[in-house]
Amino acid sequence: MAKIKSSARINNTGSIYIEPPPVDPTIYDDPVALRTDWKPLNYDSATFCTYRLIRVNSDSLSLQANTAQV
């Protein structure tokens, strides 16, 4: 029987979690992105969008709570 490598796992609540593909921080050309850990802190977190990344202007972004869900 062949083993299939999968990123799917069962979390503490019994739900199936599919791990997202790894992030390549070199595409951002940003020293902070290179020092950032891109793995989720918790695999049992919300399954809906709790925050949105909003472009404020051409030089900055803002992380804002999604008040429709929170």
Protein backbone atom coordinates (compact mmCIF):
# COMPACT_ATOMS: atom_id res chain seq x y z
CA MET A 1 0.00 0.00 0.00
CA ALA A 2 1.39 3.39 -1.00
CA LYS A 3 1.56 6.19 1.53
CA ILE A 4 0.15 9.53 0.43
CA LYS A 5 1.66 12.66 1.91
CA SER A 6 -1.11 15.00 2.96
CA SER A 7 -1.29 18.33 4.74
CA ALA A 8 -4.72 17.42 6.17
CA ARG A 9 -4.96 16.76 9.88
CA ILE A 10 -7.67 16.41 12.50
CA ASN A 11 -7.66 19.17 15.11
CA ASN A 12 -8.74 18.99 18.78
CA THR A 13 -12.40 19.58 17.93
CA GLY A 14 -12.49 16.69 15.46
CA SER A 15 -12.62 18.94 12.41
CA ILE A 16 -10.34 18.34 9.46
CA TYR A 17 -7.78 21.10 8.95
CA ILE A 18 -5.90 21.42 5.67
CA GLU A 19 -2.61 23.17 6.20
CA PRO A 20 -1.99 26.00 3.74
CA PRO A 21 1.06 25.87 1.50
CA PRO A 22 4.21 27.41 3.00
CA VAL A 23 4.83 31.12 2.48
CA ASP A 24 8.03 32.17 0.71
CA PRO A 25 8.95 35.46 2.44
CA THR A 26 11.65 36.29 -0.13
CA ILE A 27 8.94 37.38 -2.58
CA TYR A 28 8.20 40.42 -0.40
CA ASP A 29 11.75 41.82 -0.44
CA ASP A 30 11.23 42.94 3.18
CA PRO A 31 13.59 42.24 6.11
CA VAL A 32 10.66 41.97 8.55
CA ALA A 33 9.00 39.33 6.36
CA LEU A 34 12.20 37.30 6.47
CA ARG A 35 12.18 37.35 10.30
CA THR A 36 8.46 36.54 10.58
CA ASP A 37 7.23 33.04 11.45
CA TRP A 38 4.53 32.30 8.88
CA LYS A 39 3.05 29.21 10.56
CA PRO A 40 -0.36 29.46 12.29
CA LEU A 41 -0.22 29.87 16.07
CA ASN A 42 -3.20 27.59 16.54
CA TYR A 43 -4.73 25.05 14.18
CA ASP A 44 -8.00 25.14 16.16
CA SER A 45 -8.75 28.79 15.50
CA ALA A 46 -11.74 30.32 13.73
CA THR A 47 -12.83 28.90 10.40
CA PHE A 48 -14.10 32.28 9.23
CA CYS A 49 -12.29 35.49 8.41
CA THR A 50 -11.77 37.51 11.60
CA TYR A 51 -9.51 40.21 10.13
CA ARG A 52 -9.08 41.88 6.75
CA LEU A 53 -5.92 43.39 5.29
CA ILE A 54 -6.87 46.83 3.96
CA ARG A 55 -4.68 48.95 1.68
CA VAL A 56 -4.60 52.43 3.26
CA ASN A 57 -2.50 53.97 0.51
CA SER A 58 0.27 52.89 -1.87
CA ASP A 59 2.77 52.62 1.01
CA SER A 60 0.81 51.09 3.88
CA LEU A 61 -1.61 48.34 4.84
CA SER A 62 -3.87 48.03 7.87
CA LEU A 63 -5.18 44.92 9.63
CA GLN A 64 -8.79 45.58 10.65
CA ALA A 65 -11.25 43.38 12.54
CA ASN A 66 -14.06 41.97 10.46
CA THR A 67 -16.93 43.26 12.62
CA ALA A 68 -19.52 41.25 10.68
CA GLN A 69 -18.07 38.01 12.12
CA VAL A 70 -16.47 38.97 15.45
